[in-house]
Amino acid sequence: MVLNPRQQLQARSGVVFSLPRWRWLQGVRTTGRRLVSLKSSPHEIALGCALGAFVSITPLLGVQTLLAVILALVLRASVPAAIIGTFVGNPLSWPFIWVSTYVMGLQMVGLETAMDPGAVQRNVMLLWGALIDPSPQLFDATAALLWPLLWPMLAGSVPIGLLTAAIVYYISRNVVRGWRLRIMNRATEAAE
């Protein structure tokens, strides 16, 4: 029986790798092709991506996609591109985003000290209890506990989100322009 390198490593180490065999580069290419094939101008696509990236920096989990769609409709950007732009915020990037927005927000709102880790853990446990057993009193209490953490994150997400949106806009606009130019050049070469 012939084993591929991954199977050989598993046989030698006794460790079974259960990671999916999904090709990340292929996913990025597919997403890029979808962006380029949208029937919008490069500006509209880039603006949609930038709006999605901006909204994904906010700590408003659960409504980020909805906010990106609303902003894209209001600013006449590409809605599918805005949805794709929200993927900037994902489980791998959230810890970095949350820490950076919280630290930036503390400086912006003028708070000298952050919440101590014990208080954060206590608040998280109370929030978890409120999710499991919702009641109006517990909801009010959790809102009061969440606000000292959420307010600096919201304030800090504005400058970080604007910077992220500017970078995403510039990159996505140039990628869409370049890709479409490449497609047009291939079409003219094939026609000749």
C-alpha atoms as a PDB file:
ATOM      1  CA  MET A   1       0.000   0.000   0.000  1.00  0.00           C
ATOM      2  CA  VAL A   2       1.379   3.387  -1.008  1.00  0.00           C
ATOM      3  CA  LEU A   3       1.018   6.149   1.569  1.00  0.00           C
ATOM      4  CA  ASN A   4       1.120   9.840   0.806  1.00  0.00           C
ATOM      5  CA  PRO A   5       3.426  12.040   2.945  1.00  0.00           C
ATOM      6  CA  ARG A   6       0.620  13.001   5.300  1.00  0.00           C
ATOM      7  CA  GLN A   7      -0.333   9.371   5.903  1.00  0.00           C
ATOM      8  CA  GLN A   8       3.340   8.452   6.426  1.00  0.00           C
ATOM      9  CA  LEU A   9       3.686  11.157   9.087  1.00  0.00           C
ATOM     10  CA  GLN A  10       0.524   9.959  10.801  1.00  0.00           C
ATOM     11  CA  ALA A  11       1.772   6.357  10.771  1.00  0.00           C
ATOM     12  CA  ARG A  12       5.166   7.329  12.237  1.00  0.00           C
ATOM     13  CA  SER A  13       3.905   9.715  14.912  1.00  0.00           C
ATOM     14  CA  GLY A  14       0.679   7.958  15.820  1.00  0.00           C
ATOM     15  CA  VAL A  15      -1.090  11.322  15.665  1.00  0.00           C
ATOM     16  CA  VAL A  16      -4.100  11.593  13.406  1.00  0.00           C
ATOM     17  CA  PHE A  17      -4.434  14.941  11.682  1.00  0.00           C
ATOM     18  CA  SER A  18      -8.083  15.720  11.241  1.00  0.00           C
ATOM     19  CA  LEU A  19      -7.677  19.087   9.586  1.00  0.00           C
ATOM     20  CA  PRO A  20      -9.799  19.540   6.481  1.00  0.00           C
ATOM     21  CA  ARG A  21      -8.047  19.306   3.168  1.00  0.00           C
ATOM     22  CA  TRP A  22      -9.591  22.546   1.990  1.00  0.00           C
ATOM     23  CA  ARG A  23      -7.241  24.611  -0.091  1.00  0.00           C
ATOM     24  CA  TRP A  24      -7.118  28.141   1.278  1.00  0.00           C
ATOM     25  CA  LEU A  25      -5.450  29.569  -1.778  1.00  0.00           C
ATOM     26  CA  GLN A  26      -8.163  28.098  -3.956  1.00  0.00           C
ATOM     27  CA  GLY A  27     -10.782  29.726  -1.723  1.00  0.00           C
ATOM     28  CA  VAL A  28      -9.072  33.092  -2.007  1.00  0.00           C
ATOM     29  CA  ARG A  29      -8.929  32.740  -5.788  1.00  0.00           C
ATOM     30  CA  THR A  30     -12.588  31.773  -5.948  1.00  0.00           C
ATOM     31  CA  THR A  31     -13.547  34.779  -3.830  1.00  0.00           C
ATOM     32  CA  GLY A  32     -11.422  37.019  -6.045  1.00  0.00           C
ATOM     33  CA  ARG A  33     -13.085  35.672  -9.165  1.00  0.00           C
ATOM     34  CA  ARG A  34     -16.499  36.274  -7.659  1.00  0.00           C
ATOM     35  CA  LEU A  35     -15.561  39.854  -6.808  1.00  0.00           C
ATOM     36  CA  VAL A  36     -14.238  40.529 -10.293  1.00  0.00           C
ATOM     37  CA  SER A  37     -17.275  39.008 -11.971  1.00  0.00           C
ATOM     38  CA  LEU A  38     -19.700  41.250 -10.072  1.00  0.00           C
ATOM     39  CA  LYS A  39     -21.536  43.610 -12.382  1.00  0.00           C
ATOM     40  CA  SER A  40     -20.364  46.730 -10.606  1.00  0.00           C
ATOM     41  CA  SER A  41     -17.595  49.234 -11.111  1.00  0.00           C
ATOM     42  CA  PRO A  42     -14.255  48.678  -9.357  1.00  0.00           C
ATOM     43  CA  HIS A  43     -15.112  51.622  -7.090  1.00  0.00           C
ATOM     44  CA  GLU A  44     -18.450  50.092  -6.036  1.00  0.00           C
ATOM     45  CA  ILE A  45     -16.857  46.700  -5.384  1.00  0.00           C
ATOM     46  CA  ALA A  46     -13.970  48.225  -3.426  1.00  0.00           C
ATOM     47  CA  LEU A  47     -16.345  50.434  -1.441  1.00  0.00           C
ATOM     48  CA  GLY A  48     -18.467  47.402  -0.597  1.00  0.00           C
ATOM     49  CA  CYS A  49     -15.423  45.459   0.579  1.00  0.00           C
ATOM     50  CA  ALA A  50     -14.234  48.435   2.618  1.00  0.00           C
ATOM     51  CA  LEU A  51     -17.639  48.885   4.271  1.00  0.00           C
ATOM     52  CA  GLY A  52     -17.758  45.206   5.157  1.00  0.00           C
ATOM     53  CA  ALA A  53     -14.244  45.368   6.595  1.00  0.00           C
ATOM     54  CA  PHE A  54     -15.098  48.487   8.612  1.00  0.00           C
ATOM     55  CA  VAL A  55     -18.201  46.889  10.098  1.00  0.00           C
ATOM     56  CA  SER A  56     -16.334  43.662  10.873  1.00  0.00           C
ATOM     57  CA  ILE A  57     -13.992  45.583  13.183  1.00  0.00           C
ATOM     58  CA  THR A  58     -16.883  46.633  15.435  1.00  0.00           C
ATOM     59  CA  PRO A  59     -17.710  44.394  18.412  1.00  0.00           C
ATOM     60  CA  LEU A  60     -21.320  44.030  17.262  1.00  0.00           C
ATOM     61  CA  LEU A  61     -21.320  40.314  16.514  1.00  0.00           C
ATOM     62  CA  GLY A  62     -24.475  39.012  14.966  1.00  0.00           C
ATOM     63  CA  VAL A  63     -25.421  42.215  13.176  1.00  0.00           C
ATOM     64  CA  GLN A  64     -22.231  42.963  11.267  1.00  0.00           C
ATOM     65  CA  THR A  65     -23.460  41.517   7.978  1.00  0.00           C
ATOM     66  CA  LEU A  66     -26.779  43.315   8.300  1.00  0.00           C
ATOM     67  CA  LEU A  67     -24.999  46.614   9.026  1.00  0.00           C
ATOM     68  CA  ALA A  68     -22.681  46.087   6.050  1.00  0.00           C
ATOM     69  CA  VAL A  69     -25.649  45.457   3.739  1.00  0.00           C
ATOM     70  CA  ILE A  70     -27.486  48.553   5.008  1.00  0.00           C
ATOM     71  CA  LEU A  71     -24.389  50.742   4.606  1.00  0.00           C
ATOM     72  CA  ALA A  72     -23.773  49.331   1.121  1.00  0.00           C
ATOM     73  CA  LEU A  73     -27.335  50.121   0.083  1.00  0.00           C
ATOM     74  CA  VAL A  74     -27.181  53.643   1.532  1.00  0.00           C
ATOM     75  CA  LEU A  75     -23.798  54.432  -0.040  1.00  0.00           C
ATOM     76  CA  ARG A  76     -24.604  52.615  -3.318  1.00  0.00           C
ATOM     77  CA  ALA A  77     -21.810  50.117  -2.975  1.00  0.00           C
ATOM     78  CA  SER A  78     -21.823  46.483  -4.008  1.00  0.00           C
ATOM     79  CA  VAL A  79     -23.839  44.451  -1.483  1.00  0.00           C
ATOM     80  CA  PRO A  80     -22.153  41.089  -2.259  1.00  0.00           C
ATOM     81  CA  ALA A  81     -18.752  42.758  -1.894  1.00  0.00           C
ATOM     82  CA  ALA A  82     -19.828  44.200   1.471  1.00  0.00           C
ATOM     83  CA  ILE A  83     -20.807  40.732   2.651  1.00  0.00           C
ATOM     84  CA  ILE A  84     -17.456  39.341   1.500  1.00  0.00           C
ATOM     85  CA  GLY A  85     -15.712  42.249   3.260  1.00  0.00           C
ATOM     86  CA  THR A  86     -17.183  41.205   6.604  1.00  0.00           C
ATOM     87  CA  PHE A  87     -14.968  38.111   6.483  1.00  0.00           C
ATOM     88  CA  VAL A  88     -12.092  40.302   7.700  1.00  0.00           C
ATOM     89  CA  GLY A  89     -13.577  39.682  11.137  1.00  0.00           C
ATOM     90  CA  ASN A  90     -13.440  35.945  11.761  1.00  0.00           C
ATOM     91  CA  PRO A  91     -12.691  33.670  14.717  1.00  0.00           C
ATOM     92  CA  LEU A  92      -8.968  33.837  13.958  1.00  0.00           C
ATOM     93  CA  SER A  93      -8.805  37.634  13.859  1.00  0.00           C
ATOM     94  CA  TRP A  94     -11.356  38.493  16.566  1.00  0.00           C
ATOM     95  CA  PRO A  95      -8.957  38.239  19.539  1.00  0.00           C
ATOM     96  CA  PHE A  96      -6.538  40.672  17.885  1.00  0.00           C
ATOM     97  CA  ILE A  97      -9.347  42.977  16.792  1.00  0.00           C
ATOM     98  CA  TRP A  98     -10.998  43.006  20.217  1.00  0.00           C
ATOM     99  CA  VAL A  99      -7.788  43.642  22.142  1.00  0.00           C
ATOM    100  CA  SER A 100      -6.648  46.402  19.783  1.00  0.00           C
ATOM    101  CA  THR A 101     -10.054  48.129  19.725  1.00  0.00           C
ATOM    102  CA  TYR A 102     -10.332  47.891  23.509  1.00  0.00           C
ATOM    103  CA  VAL A 103      -6.858  49.345  24.114  1.00  0.00           C
ATOM    104  CA  MET A 104      -7.405  52.094  21.526  1.00  0.00           C
ATOM    105  CA  GLY A 105     -10.837  52.824  22.975  1.00  0.00           C
ATOM    106  CA  LEU A 106      -9.469  53.129  26.511  1.00  0.00           C
ATOM    107  CA  GLN A 107      -7.119  55.847  25.302  1.00  0.00           C
ATOM    108  CA  MET A 108      -9.853  57.584  23.314  1.00  0.00           C
ATOM    109  CA  VAL A 109     -12.480  57.706  26.057  1.00  0.00           C
ATOM    110  CA  GLY A 110      -9.928  58.697  28.654  1.00  0.00           C
ATOM    111  CA  LEU A 111     -10.083  55.680  30.917  1.00  0.00           C
ATOM    112  CA  GLU A 112      -6.742  55.069  32.579  1.00  0.00           C
ATOM    113  CA  THR A 113      -7.169  51.450  33.578  1.00  0.00           C
ATOM    114  CA  ALA A 114      -8.757  48.469  31.983  1.00  0.00           C
ATOM    115  CA  MET A 115     -11.125  46.124  33.751  1.00  0.00           C
ATOM    116  CA  ASP A 116      -9.217  43.542  35.761  1.00  0.00           C
ATOM    117  CA  PRO A 117      -9.328  39.987  34.375  1.00  0.00           C
ATOM    118  CA  GLY A 118     -11.356  38.742  37.352  1.00  0.00           C
ATOM    119  CA  ALA A 119     -14.092  41.300  36.685  1.00  0.00           C
ATOM    120  CA  VAL A 120     -14.134  40.429  32.990  1.00  0.00           C
ATOM    121  CA  GLN A 121     -14.469  36.721  33.793  1.00  0.00           C
ATOM    122  CA  ARG A 122     -17.258  37.423  36.300  1.00  0.00           C
ATOM    123  CA  ASN A 123     -19.108  39.560  33.755  1.00  0.00           C
ATOM    124  CA  VAL A 124     -18.728  36.909  31.060  1.00  0.00           C
ATOM    125  CA  MET A 125     -20.197  34.268  33.378  1.00  0.00           C
ATOM    126  CA  LEU A 126     -23.139  36.545  34.193  1.00  0.00           C
ATOM    127  CA  LEU A 127     -23.667  37.218  30.497  1.00  0.00           C
ATOM    128  CA  TRP A 128     -23.605  33.494  29.800  1.00  0.00           C
ATOM    129  CA  GLY A 129     -26.197  32.983  32.531  1.00  0.00           C
ATOM    130  CA  ALA A 130     -28.364  35.669  30.968  1.00  0.00           C
ATOM    131  CA  LEU A 131     -28.208  33.898  27.615  1.00  0.00           C
ATOM    132  CA  ILE A 132     -29.203  30.573  29.141  1.00  0.00           C
ATOM    133  CA  ASP A 133     -31.974  31.881  31.401  1.00  0.00           C
ATOM    134  CA  PRO A 134     -33.220  35.219  30.024  1.00  0.00           C
ATOM    135  CA  SER A 135     -35.160  37.500  32.316  1.00  0.00           C
ATOM    136  CA  PRO A 136     -35.771  41.279  32.206  1.00  0.00           C
ATOM    137  CA  GLN A 137     -33.889  41.897  35.453  1.00  0.00           C
ATOM    138  CA  LEU A 138     -30.914  39.830  34.368  1.00  0.00           C
ATOM    139  CA  PHE A 139     -30.908  41.550  30.966  1.00  0.00           C
ATOM    140  CA  ASP A 140     -30.685  44.986  32.621  1.00  0.00           C
ATOM    141  CA  ALA A 141     -27.896  43.776  34.900  1.00  0.00           C
ATOM    142  CA  THR A 142     -25.902  42.303  32.020  1.00  0.00           C
ATOM    143  CA  ALA A 143     -26.311  45.457  29.942  1.00  0.00           C
ATOM    144  CA  ALA A 144     -24.838  47.434  32.839  1.00  0.00           C
ATOM    145  CA  LEU A 145     -21.957  44.947  33.089  1.00  0.00           C
ATOM    146  CA  LEU A 146     -21.319  44.881  29.369  1.00  0.00           C
ATOM    147  CA  TRP A 147     -21.252  48.630  28.763  1.00  0.00           C
ATOM    148  CA  PRO A 148     -17.850  49.320  30.443  1.00  0.00           C
ATOM    149  CA  LEU A 149     -16.328  46.753  28.100  1.00  0.00           C
ATOM    150  CA  LEU A 150     -18.354  47.579  24.986  1.00  0.00           C
ATOM    151  CA  TRP A 151     -18.019  51.376  25.077  1.00  0.00           C
ATOM    152  CA  PRO A 152     -14.201  51.473  24.705  1.00  0.00           C
ATOM    153  CA  MET A 153     -14.373  48.767  22.032  1.00  0.00           C
ATOM    154  CA  LEU A 154     -16.931  50.747  20.023  1.00  0.00           C
ATOM    155  CA  ALA A 155     -14.879  53.930  20.320  1.00  0.00           C
ATOM    156  CA  GLY A 156     -11.639  52.148  19.414  1.00  0.00           C
ATOM    157  CA  SER A 157     -13.203  50.369  16.468  1.00  0.00           C
ATOM    158  CA  VAL A 158     -13.783  53.645  14.608  1.00  0.00           C
ATOM    159  CA  PRO A 159     -10.142  54.608  13.863  1.00  0.00           C
ATOM    160  CA  ILE A 160      -9.007  51.000  13.458  1.00  0.00           C
ATOM    161  CA  GLY A 161     -12.000  50.281  11.216  1.00  0.00           C
ATOM    162  CA  LEU A 162     -11.338  53.377   9.097  1.00  0.00           C
ATOM    163  CA  LEU A 163      -7.696  52.383   8.639  1.00  0.00           C
ATOM    164  CA  THR A 164      -8.698  48.819   7.761  1.00  0.00           C
ATOM    165  CA  ALA A 165     -11.369  50.066   5.348  1.00  0.00           C
ATOM    166  CA  ALA A 166      -8.874  52.363   3.594  1.00  0.00           C
ATOM    167  CA  ILE A 167      -6.391  49.518   3.151  1.00  0.00           C
ATOM    168  CA  VAL A 168      -9.080  47.093   1.940  1.00  0.00           C
ATOM    169  CA  TYR A 169     -10.477  49.714  -0.464  1.00  0.00           C
ATOM    170  CA  TYR A 170      -7.093  50.399  -2.027  1.00  0.00           C
ATOM    171  CA  ILE A 171      -6.178  46.718  -2.370  1.00  0.00           C
ATOM    172  CA  SER A 172      -9.547  45.515  -3.653  1.00  0.00           C
ATOM    173  CA  ARG A 173      -9.911  48.368  -6.164  1.00  0.00           C
ATOM    174  CA  ASN A 174      -6.485  47.682  -7.635  1.00  0.00           C
ATOM    175  CA  VAL A 175      -7.066  43.920  -7.682  1.00  0.00           C
ATOM    176  CA  VAL A 176     -10.402  44.299  -9.483  1.00  0.00           C
ATOM    177  CA  ARG A 177      -8.959  46.793 -11.983  1.00  0.00           C
ATOM    178  CA  GLY A 178      -5.917  44.641 -12.654  1.00  0.00           C
ATOM    179  CA  TRP A 179      -7.885  41.438 -12.992  1.00  0.00           C
ATOM    180  CA  ARG A 180     -10.409  42.988 -15.368  1.00  0.00           C
ATOM    181  CA  LEU A 181      -7.615  44.539 -17.434  1.00  0.00           C
ATOM    182  CA  ARG A 182      -5.947  41.138 -17.637  1.00  0.00           C
ATOM    183  CA  ILE A 183      -9.199  39.541 -18.801  1.00  0.00           C
ATOM    184  CA  MET A 184      -9.668  42.267 -21.445  1.00  0.00           C
ATOM    185  CA  ASN A 185      -6.085  41.828 -22.675  1.00  0.00           C
ATOM    186  CA  ARG A 186      -6.573  38.074 -22.996  1.00  0.00           C
ATOM    187  CA  ALA A 187      -9.813  38.621 -24.910  1.00  0.00           C
ATOM    188  CA  THR A 188      -8.164  41.041 -27.358  1.00  0.00           C
ATOM    189  CA  GLU A 189      -5.198  38.689 -27.855  1.00  0.00           C
ATOM    190  CA  ALA A 190      -7.563  35.804 -28.551  1.00  0.00           C
ATOM    191  CA  ALA A 191      -9.525  37.917 -31.047  1.00  0.00           C
ATOM    192  CA  GLU A 192      -6.392  38.813 -33.018  1.00  0.00           C
END
